[in-house]
Structures are given as C-alpha cells and as structure tokens.
Amino acid sequence: MKIHQLFIKPQPGLPVQAQPTLQLLRGYGIQDDASAQLGSPRQILITDLGTVRHFKLQPGDLRENILLNESLGRWESGQIWQVGGALIRLTFLCEPCVYLNTLQPGLAKRIQQQRGWLGMVVQSGAIAVGDPVRPTVHRLPALPHDVKGRFYELLARIPAGKVITTSDLIVALGVTPSYYRVFPTFIKQAASHLPVHRVVAIAGDLFAQSMPEQAERLRAEGVELQNGKVPNRYYWSAQYFHELGHFYPEKEA
C-alpha cells in the first residue's frame, strides 16, 4: 500500500490543494493545514482511490489529505499506521456532511461510512507521494465512532482538579459548534459515576441550574472559583485530550 496523492487545505471551506510532500507534526497535524489543531482527533483524513472511483469523484473531492492506492480494508480505531516517516493514530470514521451533496445530490446519504478514516499524528515526520503505508504492532485505545460515546469516553478521563470547557469539547470530540446545544443533554443522561461536574461553559461558568452541586464538587477537588467561575489555570490542557504514546517509525529492511 502506498500514497497515491497528498492534499492540504489552506483555509476552511476552500478546496484542497495537491502537494508532493507534507510535514506531519506530533499532536498537531499537517503543517500549514486548516485542520491542524492541538488536541483534535481529526487532524488528518485518509481515504483510498477505490472509494473515489466507486462514487465517480475526483482525487481531493472528499477533502482527504492522504489518498492511498489500495483499499483501506479492515482498519480499526486505535491502530497506529506508519505513513512515510510519520506515525498516525486512527481515531474514527469521517462522517458524511452536507458539503458532499454539492458534489453529487444525495452523496452524503449514499457514502455513509465510506468517506475515510480520521487520525492524529503521534510521531512527526515527512511524507511524500509514493511512500509506503503499513500497520505497526502498536495500538492505543479505540475511540467510539458516535459523538455521544466519545463524549462519555473523554469525560471519564478528565482528571480530578481539572475542567474542560464546552469550546474545548468541540475540539476534543472533533465536532462542529452545532453540538453546543447537545452537550446539556449528554450531561443529563450521563451515568452517575462519570464526573460531569468537570464540564464548564465557554468562559468557565458553571452549569448551576442543571448541576446545583457543581461548585461544591469542584471545590472538593481543589478548584478555587473566582466570581463564580473556574479560572483558566484549571482548564485541562489540549495536549492531554488524547493519548499519543511514544512510538517511533520502523526502518525499512
């Protein structure tokens, strides 16, 4: 399996541009790409030539970053793949969006879960067209493909004495801002053992109406409120949203 083409997205909403090489940065994504962001699980989109041809598309139409010459096959979340000189952690399948319907009417519905895999860079390195792509023996925990599942998976990992804002949740879950209105429902439906009190609003405001005990529970963990808000020194750092491990690319025999 090899890299057939590479693409970079210079700005959100604009078409991707073909590139002969890309520089991948650990925990951040593709250098100079619009999707590069610390803590995001959707730093890179990988798809294959067979999918592009099956849906009668052109390379780059799916806004992929890496187009492979062979089928993705039975890839799984948590796998670590070596791509050229870099390592990528597979996170979850890329969900179809309404943009796809601008390419073909009804494409978003037809393509379902075949758009490709999203991933994070776990080891920096340069990649180029023609580079080999192969699985490694390394693995990290799998992430749920559904947003609600990812919300609860992330929630369980927020350490005591730290909080995550809803704006950081957007990044950590890899979702659009439309999910702001869904978070209160997720919080309400969370299992009792999950630390929902560690979720705060954008500016550190508490969810006092839905969680009247939130302030007390945070204080018990050493969080000192200021004017009823959580100061940003208690914010969970984006570098810890998702595990990157410590792996190194293998040298070809």
C-alpha atoms as a PDB file:
ATOM      1  CA  MET A   1       0.000   0.000   0.000  1.00  0.00           C
ATOM      2  CA  LYS A   2       1.364   3.409  -0.982  1.00  0.00           C
ATOM      3  CA  ILE A   3       0.429   7.079  -1.002  1.00  0.00           C
ATOM      4  CA  HIS A   4      -1.209   7.884  -4.336  1.00  0.00           C
ATOM      5  CA  GLN A   5      -1.729  11.621  -3.738  1.00  0.00           C
ATOM      6  CA  LEU A   6      -1.414  14.182  -0.959  1.00  0.00           C
ATOM      7  CA  PHE A   7      -3.555  17.247  -0.297  1.00  0.00           C
ATOM      8  CA  ILE A   8      -3.557  20.214   2.034  1.00  0.00           C
ATOM      9  CA  LYS A   9      -6.427  22.516   2.948  1.00  0.00           C
ATOM     10  CA  PRO A  10      -5.050  26.077   3.167  1.00  0.00           C
ATOM     11  CA  GLN A  11      -8.236  27.605   4.591  1.00  0.00           C
ATOM     12  CA  PRO A  12     -11.554  26.275   5.939  1.00  0.00           C
ATOM     13  CA  GLY A  13     -14.169  25.928   3.224  1.00  0.00           C
ATOM     14  CA  LEU A  14     -11.709  26.077   0.332  1.00  0.00           C
ATOM     15  CA  PRO A  15     -10.796  23.172  -1.961  1.00  0.00           C
ATOM     16  CA  VAL A  16      -7.747  21.124  -1.039  1.00  0.00           C
ATOM     17  CA  GLN A  17      -4.524  21.572  -2.988  1.00  0.00           C
ATOM     18  CA  ALA A  18      -2.353  18.715  -4.227  1.00  0.00           C
ATOM     19  CA  GLN A  19       1.143  18.556  -2.736  1.00  0.00           C
ATOM     20  CA  PRO A  20       4.156  16.313  -3.433  1.00  0.00           C
ATOM     21  CA  THR A  21       5.089  16.197   0.250  1.00  0.00           C
ATOM     22  CA  LEU A  22       3.604  17.064   3.638  1.00  0.00           C
ATOM     23  CA  GLN A  23       5.184  17.652   7.029  1.00  0.00           C
ATOM     24  CA  LEU A  24       3.297  15.998   9.891  1.00  0.00           C
ATOM     25  CA  LEU A  25       3.695  17.338  13.430  1.00  0.00           C
ATOM     26  CA  ARG A  26       3.103  15.247  16.548  1.00  0.00           C
ATOM     27  CA  GLY A  27      -0.136  16.105  18.339  1.00  0.00           C
ATOM     28  CA  TYR A  28      -0.889  18.929  15.905  1.00  0.00           C
ATOM     29  CA  GLY A  29      -1.467  17.631  12.410  1.00  0.00           C
ATOM     30  CA  ILE A  30      -0.268  18.731   8.995  1.00  0.00           C
ATOM     31  CA  GLN A  31       1.906  21.816   8.898  1.00  0.00           C
ATOM     32  CA  ASP A  32       0.014  24.776   7.331  1.00  0.00           C
ATOM     33  CA  ASP A  33      -3.236  22.793   7.071  1.00  0.00           C
ATOM     34  CA  ALA A  34      -6.517  24.369   8.208  1.00  0.00           C
ATOM     35  CA  SER A  35      -7.452  21.274  10.232  1.00  0.00           C
ATOM     36  CA  ALA A  36      -4.232  21.231  12.250  1.00  0.00           C
ATOM     37  CA  GLN A  37      -5.084  21.755  15.916  1.00  0.00           C
ATOM     38  CA  LEU A  38      -3.645  20.575  19.191  1.00  0.00           C
ATOM     39  CA  GLY A  39      -5.927  18.015  20.818  1.00  0.00           C
ATOM     40  CA  SER A  40      -8.137  17.422  17.782  1.00  0.00           C
ATOM     41  CA  PRO A  41      -8.858  13.801  16.795  1.00  0.00           C
ATOM     42  CA  ARG A  42      -9.471  14.840  13.176  1.00  0.00           C
ATOM     43  CA  GLN A  43      -6.112  16.196  12.115  1.00  0.00           C
ATOM     44  CA  ILE A  44      -5.877  14.018   9.005  1.00  0.00           C
ATOM     45  CA  LEU A  45      -8.368  12.378   6.644  1.00  0.00           C
ATOM     46  CA  ILE A  46      -7.274   9.226   4.822  1.00  0.00           C
ATOM     47  CA  THR A  47      -9.207   7.557   2.015  1.00  0.00           C
ATOM     48  CA  ASP A  48      -8.438   5.315  -0.946  1.00  0.00           C
ATOM     49  CA  LEU A  49      -8.568   5.515  -4.705  1.00  0.00           C
ATOM     50  CA  GLY A  50     -11.167   2.763  -4.950  1.00  0.00           C
ATOM     51  CA  THR A  51     -13.675   4.786  -2.929  1.00  0.00           C
ATOM     52  CA  VAL A  52     -13.080   7.880  -5.049  1.00  0.00           C
ATOM     53  CA  ARG A  53     -13.636   5.923  -8.253  1.00  0.00           C
ATOM     54  CA  HIS A  54     -16.641   3.999  -6.898  1.00  0.00           C
ATOM     55  CA  PHE A  55     -18.511   7.235  -6.245  1.00  0.00           C
ATOM     56  CA  LYS A  56     -17.285   8.778  -9.527  1.00  0.00           C
ATOM     57  CA  LEU A  57     -15.340  11.524  -7.793  1.00  0.00           C
ATOM     58  CA  GLN A  58     -12.003  13.191  -8.417  1.00  0.00           C
ATOM     59  CA  PRO A  59      -8.998  12.965  -6.084  1.00  0.00           C
ATOM     60  CA  GLY A  60      -9.385  15.664  -3.438  1.00  0.00           C
ATOM     61  CA  ASP A  61     -13.182  15.856  -3.713  1.00  0.00           C
ATOM     62  CA  LEU A  62     -13.632  14.204  -0.311  1.00  0.00           C
ATOM     63  CA  ARG A  63     -11.198  16.777   1.115  1.00  0.00           C
ATOM     64  CA  GLU A  64      -8.870  13.976   2.051  1.00  0.00           C
ATOM     65  CA  ASN A  65      -5.259  14.661   2.980  1.00  0.00           C
ATOM     66  CA  ILE A  66      -3.899  11.234   2.088  1.00  0.00           C
ATOM     67  CA  LEU A  67      -5.213   9.208  -0.854  1.00  0.00           C
ATOM     68  CA  LEU A  68      -4.000   5.606  -0.916  1.00  0.00           C
ATOM     69  CA  ASN A  69      -3.623   3.400  -3.964  1.00  0.00           C
ATOM     70  CA  GLU A  70      -5.257   0.408  -2.226  1.00  0.00           C
ATOM     71  CA  SER A  71      -8.380  -0.194  -0.159  1.00  0.00           C
ATOM     72  CA  LEU A  72      -8.314   0.824   3.493  1.00  0.00           C
ATOM     73  CA  GLY A  73      -9.525  -2.668   4.275  1.00  0.00           C
ATOM     74  CA  ARG A  74     -10.317  -3.568   7.862  1.00  0.00           C
ATOM     75  CA  TRP A  75      -8.780  -0.620   9.633  1.00  0.00           C
ATOM     76  CA  GLU A  76      -9.666  -0.130  13.295  1.00  0.00           C
ATOM     77  CA  SER A  77      -9.717   2.769  15.720  1.00  0.00           C
ATOM     78  CA  GLY A  78      -6.609   2.826  17.888  1.00  0.00           C
ATOM     79  CA  GLN A  79      -4.318   1.265  15.294  1.00  0.00           C
ATOM     80  CA  ILE A  80      -1.005   3.026  14.662  1.00  0.00           C
ATOM     81  CA  TRP A  81      -0.059   3.201  10.998  1.00  0.00           C
ATOM     82  CA  GLN A  82       3.299   4.176   9.605  1.00  0.00           C
ATOM     83  CA  VAL A  83       2.889   6.590   6.724  1.00  0.00           C
ATOM     84  CA  GLY A  84       6.205   7.528   5.180  1.00  0.00           C
ATOM     85  CA  GLY A  85       8.332   8.853   8.019  1.00  0.00           C
ATOM     86  CA  ALA A  86       5.403   9.604  10.346  1.00  0.00           C
ATOM     87  CA  LEU A  87       3.043   7.638  12.569  1.00  0.00           C
ATOM     88  CA  ILE A  88      -0.724   8.173  12.640  1.00  0.00           C
ATOM     89  CA  ARG A  89      -3.255   7.003  15.232  1.00  0.00           C
ATOM     90  CA  LEU A  90      -6.599   6.101  13.666  1.00  0.00           C
ATOM     91  CA  THR A  91      -9.411   7.766  15.622  1.00  0.00           C
ATOM     92  CA  PHE A  92     -12.815   7.297  13.969  1.00  0.00           C
ATOM     93  CA  LEU A  93     -14.588   7.171  10.620  1.00  0.00           C
ATOM     94  CA  CYS A  94     -15.241  10.514   8.961  1.00  0.00           C
ATOM     95  CA  GLU A  95     -18.943  11.240   8.984  1.00  0.00           C
ATOM     96  CA  PRO A  96     -20.565  12.487   5.761  1.00  0.00           C
ATOM     97  CA  CYS A  97     -21.583  16.140   5.709  1.00  0.00           C
ATOM     98  CA  VAL A  98     -23.819  18.316   3.537  1.00  0.00           C
ATOM     99  CA  TYR A  99     -20.781  19.515   1.563  1.00  0.00           C
ATOM    100  CA  LEU A 100     -20.788  16.156  -0.208  1.00  0.00           C
ATOM    101  CA  ASN A 101     -24.197  16.940  -1.674  1.00  0.00           C
ATOM    102  CA  THR A 102     -22.612  19.849  -3.555  1.00  0.00           C
ATOM    103  CA  LEU A 103     -20.549  17.269  -5.433  1.00  0.00           C
ATOM    104  CA  GLN A 104     -23.489  14.981  -6.197  1.00  0.00           C
ATOM    105  CA  PRO A 105     -27.086  15.200  -4.986  1.00  0.00           C
ATOM    106  CA  GLY A 106     -27.616  12.665  -2.215  1.00  0.00           C
ATOM    107  CA  LEU A 107     -23.940  11.707  -1.929  1.00  0.00           C
ATOM    108  CA  ALA A 108     -23.847  12.297   1.838  1.00  0.00           C
ATOM    109  CA  LYS A 109     -26.510   9.624   2.306  1.00  0.00           C
ATOM    110  CA  ARG A 110     -25.027   7.176  -0.196  1.00  0.00           C
ATOM    111  CA  ILE A 111     -21.455   7.307   1.033  1.00  0.00           C
ATOM    112  CA  GLN A 112     -22.415   6.621   4.666  1.00  0.00           C
ATOM    113  CA  GLN A 113     -19.235   5.487   6.497  1.00  0.00           C
ATOM    114  CA  GLN A 114     -17.061   5.165   3.411  1.00  0.00           C
ATOM    115  CA  ARG A 115     -15.616   8.670   3.323  1.00  0.00           C
ATOM    116  CA  GLY A 116     -12.438   7.574   5.088  1.00  0.00           C
ATOM    117  CA  TRP A 117     -10.605   7.460   8.393  1.00  0.00           C
ATOM    118  CA  LEU A 118      -9.648  10.380  10.585  1.00  0.00           C
ATOM    119  CA  GLY A 119      -6.438  10.323  12.548  1.00  0.00           C
ATOM    120  CA  MET A 120      -3.927  12.096  14.748  1.00  0.00           C
ATOM    121  CA  VAL A 121      -0.195  12.455  14.275  1.00  0.00           C
ATOM    122  CA  VAL A 122       1.599  10.569  17.060  1.00  0.00           C
ATOM    123  CA  GLN A 123       5.099  10.886  15.616  1.00  0.00           C
ATOM    124  CA  SER A 124       6.316  13.751  13.456  1.00  0.00           C
ATOM    125  CA  GLY A 125       7.784  13.118  10.040  1.00  0.00           C
ATOM    126  CA  ALA A 126       7.736  13.954   6.357  1.00  0.00           C
ATOM    127  CA  ILE A 127       5.551  12.016   3.940  1.00  0.00           C
ATOM    128  CA  ALA A 128       5.615  12.026   0.143  1.00  0.00           C
ATOM    129  CA  VAL A 129       3.678  10.645  -2.794  1.00  0.00           C
ATOM    130  CA  GLY A 130       4.811   7.056  -3.323  1.00  0.00           C
ATOM    131  CA  ASP A 131       5.736   6.450   0.312  1.00  0.00           C
ATOM    132  CA  PRO A 132       4.726   3.069   1.762  1.00  0.00           C
ATOM    133  CA  VAL A 133       1.849   2.816   4.252  1.00  0.00           C
ATOM    134  CA  ARG A 134       1.742  -0.108   6.661  1.00  0.00           C
ATOM    135  CA  PRO A 135       0.332  -1.067  10.057  1.00  0.00           C
ATOM    136  CA  THR A 136       2.563  -1.267  13.115  1.00  0.00           C
ATOM    137  CA  VAL A 137       2.317  -3.548  16.127  1.00  0.00           C
ATOM    138  CA  HIS A 138       1.399  -0.578  18.317  1.00  0.00           C
ATOM    139  CA  ARG A 139      -2.114   0.297  19.448  1.00  0.00           C
ATOM    140  CA  LEU A 140      -3.823   2.936  21.545  1.00  0.00           C
ATOM    141  CA  PRO A 141      -7.372   2.814  22.961  1.00  0.00           C
ATOM    142  CA  ALA A 142     -10.153   2.806  20.383  1.00  0.00           C
ATOM    143  CA  LEU A 143     -12.497   5.792  20.220  1.00  0.00           C
ATOM    144  CA  PRO A 144     -16.252   5.370  19.674  1.00  0.00           C
ATOM    145  CA  HIS A 145     -17.487   6.381  16.228  1.00  0.00           C
ATOM    146  CA  ASP A 146     -20.567   8.114  17.671  1.00  0.00           C
ATOM    147  CA  VAL A 147     -20.276  11.539  19.299  1.00  0.00           C
ATOM    148  CA  LYS A 148     -22.170  10.592  22.443  1.00  0.00           C
ATOM    149  CA  GLY A 149     -19.865   7.653  23.008  1.00  0.00           C
ATOM    150  CA  ARG A 150     -16.791   9.854  22.528  1.00  0.00           C
ATOM    151  CA  PHE A 151     -18.232  12.400  24.964  1.00  0.00           C
ATOM    152  CA  TYR A 152     -18.513   9.825  27.734  1.00  0.00           C
ATOM    153  CA  GLU A 153     -15.130   8.273  26.901  1.00  0.00           C
ATOM    154  CA  LEU A 154     -13.482  11.692  27.199  1.00  0.00           C
ATOM    155  CA  LEU A 155     -15.442  12.625  30.298  1.00  0.00           C
ATOM    156  CA  ALA A 156     -14.140   9.561  32.124  1.00  0.00           C
ATOM    157  CA  ARG A 157     -10.550  10.683  31.512  1.00  0.00           C
ATOM    158  CA  ILE A 158     -10.745  14.271  32.804  1.00  0.00           C
ATOM    159  CA  PRO A 159      -8.531  14.254  35.905  1.00  0.00           C
ATOM    160  CA  ALA A 160      -9.715  15.482  39.289  1.00  0.00           C
ATOM    161  CA  GLY A 161      -8.905  19.151  39.793  1.00  0.00           C
ATOM    162  CA  LYS A 162      -9.273  19.917  36.084  1.00  0.00           C
ATOM    163  CA  VAL A 163     -12.216  21.026  33.952  1.00  0.00           C
ATOM    164  CA  ILE A 164     -12.963  21.123  30.259  1.00  0.00           C
ATOM    165  CA  THR A 165     -14.894  23.962  28.648  1.00  0.00           C
ATOM    166  CA  THR A 166     -17.602  23.324  26.095  1.00  0.00           C
ATOM    167  CA  SER A 167     -15.467  25.083  23.473  1.00  0.00           C
ATOM    168  CA  ASP A 168     -12.637  22.645  24.163  1.00  0.00           C
ATOM    169  CA  LEU A 169     -15.141  19.787  23.974  1.00  0.00           C
ATOM    170  CA  ILE A 170     -15.845  20.799  20.381  1.00  0.00           C
ATOM    171  CA  VAL A 171     -12.151  20.350  19.614  1.00  0.00           C
ATOM    172  CA  ALA A 172     -11.602  17.199  21.664  1.00  0.00           C
ATOM    173  CA  LEU A 173     -14.618  15.397  20.205  1.00  0.00           C
ATOM    174  CA  GLY A 174     -13.959  16.543  16.653  1.00  0.00           C
ATOM    175  CA  VAL A 175     -17.422  18.014  16.103  1.00  0.00           C
ATOM    176  CA  THR A 176     -18.966  21.223  14.779  1.00  0.00           C
ATOM    177  CA  PRO A 177     -20.231  24.049  17.020  1.00  0.00           C
ATOM    178  CA  SER A 178     -23.788  22.829  16.421  1.00  0.00           C
ATOM    179  CA  TYR A 179     -23.116  20.340  19.235  1.00  0.00           C
ATOM    180  CA  TYR A 180     -23.091  23.089  21.855  1.00  0.00           C
ATOM    181  CA  ARG A 181     -26.842  22.656  22.197  1.00  0.00           C
ATOM    182  CA  VAL A 182     -26.491  18.879  22.626  1.00  0.00           C
ATOM    183  CA  PHE A 183     -23.977  18.886  25.478  1.00  0.00           C
ATOM    184  CA  PRO A 184     -26.564  19.633  28.217  1.00  0.00           C
ATOM    185  CA  THR A 185     -28.500  16.537  27.145  1.00  0.00           C
ATOM    186  CA  PHE A 186     -25.344  14.413  27.193  1.00  0.00           C
ATOM    187  CA  ILE A 187     -24.595  15.706  30.695  1.00  0.00           C
ATOM    188  CA  LYS A 188     -28.110  14.973  31.902  1.00  0.00           C
ATOM    189  CA  GLN A 189     -28.014  11.416  30.540  1.00  0.00           C
ATOM    190  CA  ALA A 190     -24.527  10.581  31.824  1.00  0.00           C
ATOM    191  CA  ALA A 191     -24.037   7.627  34.153  1.00  0.00           C
ATOM    192  CA  SER A 192     -23.737   8.561  37.813  1.00  0.00           C
ATOM    193  CA  HIS A 193     -20.066   7.538  38.045  1.00  0.00           C
ATOM    194  CA  LEU A 194     -18.970   9.978  35.328  1.00  0.00           C
ATOM    195  CA  PRO A 195     -17.538  13.330  36.522  1.00  0.00           C
ATOM    196  CA  VAL A 196     -19.963  15.626  34.698  1.00  0.00           C
ATOM    197  CA  HIS A 197     -19.130  18.400  37.189  1.00  0.00           C
ATOM    198  CA  ARG A 198     -15.804  18.808  35.375  1.00  0.00           C
ATOM    199  CA  VAL A 199     -17.560  20.261  32.319  1.00  0.00           C
ATOM    200  CA  VAL A 200     -17.975  24.044  32.346  1.00  0.00           C
ATOM    201  CA  ALA A 201     -19.243  26.636  29.885  1.00  0.00           C
ATOM    202  CA  ILE A 202     -17.012  28.564  27.479  1.00  0.00           C
ATOM    203  CA  ALA A 203     -15.822  31.235  29.946  1.00  0.00           C
ATOM    204  CA  GLY A 204     -15.575  28.878  32.906  1.00  0.00           C
ATOM    205  CA  ASP A 205     -19.161  29.459  34.013  1.00  0.00           C
ATOM    206  CA  LEU A 206     -20.848  26.687  35.936  1.00  0.00           C
ATOM    207  CA  PHE A 207     -23.985  24.825  34.916  1.00  0.00           C
ATOM    208  CA  ALA A 208     -25.654  25.834  38.168  1.00  0.00           C
ATOM    209  CA  GLN A 209     -29.224  25.090  37.114  1.00  0.00           C
ATOM    210  CA  SER A 210     -28.612  21.567  35.854  1.00  0.00           C
ATOM    211  CA  MET A 211     -25.833  20.788  38.360  1.00  0.00           C
ATOM    212  CA  PRO A 212     -26.527  22.699  41.610  1.00  0.00           C
ATOM    213  CA  GLU A 213     -23.799  20.711  43.390  1.00  0.00           C
ATOM    214  CA  GLN A 214     -21.133  21.503  40.767  1.00  0.00           C
ATOM    215  CA  ALA A 215     -19.352  24.236  42.735  1.00  0.00           C
ATOM    216  CA  GLU A 216     -19.152  22.090  45.850  1.00  0.00           C
ATOM    217  CA  ARG A 217     -17.802  19.082  43.972  1.00  0.00           C
ATOM    218  CA  LEU A 218     -15.149  21.177  42.228  1.00  0.00           C
ATOM    219  CA  ARG A 219     -14.028  22.778  45.492  1.00  0.00           C
ATOM    220  CA  ALA A 220     -13.664  19.299  46.970  1.00  0.00           C
ATOM    221  CA  GLU A 221     -11.140  18.591  44.197  1.00  0.00           C
ATOM    222  CA  GLY A 222      -9.135  21.729  44.947  1.00  0.00           C
ATOM    223  CA  VAL A 223     -10.643  24.006  42.289  1.00  0.00           C
ATOM    224  CA  GLU A 224     -10.896  27.574  43.603  1.00  0.00           C
ATOM    225  CA  LEU A 225     -13.655  29.592  41.946  1.00  0.00           C
ATOM    226  CA  GLN A 226     -13.322  33.289  41.182  1.00  0.00           C
ATOM    227  CA  ASN A 227     -16.536  35.291  40.893  1.00  0.00           C
ATOM    228  CA  GLY A 228     -18.409  32.035  40.463  1.00  0.00           C
ATOM    229  CA  LYS A 229     -16.244  30.907  37.530  1.00  0.00           C
ATOM    230  CA  VAL A 230     -13.427  28.422  37.094  1.00  0.00           C
ATOM    231  CA  PRO A 231     -10.137  30.238  36.304  1.00  0.00           C
ATOM    232  CA  ASN A 232      -8.320  29.012  33.205  1.00  0.00           C
ATOM    233  CA  ARG A 233      -5.426  27.644  35.259  1.00  0.00           C
ATOM    234  CA  TYR A 234      -7.705  24.687  35.982  1.00  0.00           C
ATOM    235  CA  TYR A 235      -8.514  24.042  32.327  1.00  0.00           C
ATOM    236  CA  TRP A 236      -7.454  20.624  31.076  1.00  0.00           C
ATOM    237  CA  SER A 237      -4.671  21.170  28.533  1.00  0.00           C
ATOM    238  CA  ALA A 238      -5.400  20.147  24.942  1.00  0.00           C
ATOM    239  CA  GLN A 239      -2.185  18.138  24.776  1.00  0.00           C
ATOM    240  CA  TYR A 240      -3.797  15.589  27.098  1.00  0.00           C
ATOM    241  CA  PHE A 241      -7.172  15.248  25.347  1.00  0.00           C
ATOM    242  CA  HIS A 242      -5.998  12.125  23.507  1.00  0.00           C
ATOM    243  CA  GLU A 243      -3.125   9.771  24.155  1.00  0.00           C
ATOM    244  CA  LEU A 244      -0.258   9.936  21.670  1.00  0.00           C
ATOM    245  CA  GLY A 245       2.040   7.291  23.123  1.00  0.00           C
ATOM    246  CA  HIS A 246       5.763   7.126  22.454  1.00  0.00           C
ATOM    247  CA  PHE A 247       6.370   5.249  19.241  1.00  0.00           C
ATOM    248  CA  TYR A 248       8.987   5.529  16.521  1.00  0.00           C
ATOM    249  CA  PRO A 249       8.811   4.747  12.806  1.00  0.00           C
ATOM    250  CA  GLU A 250      10.368   1.474  11.750  1.00  0.00           C
ATOM    251  CA  LYS A 251      13.211   1.477   9.275  1.00  0.00           C
ATOM    252  CA  GLU A 252      12.673  -0.477   6.095  1.00  0.00           C
ATOM    253  CA  ALA A 253      14.665  -3.681   5.821  1.00  0.00           C
END
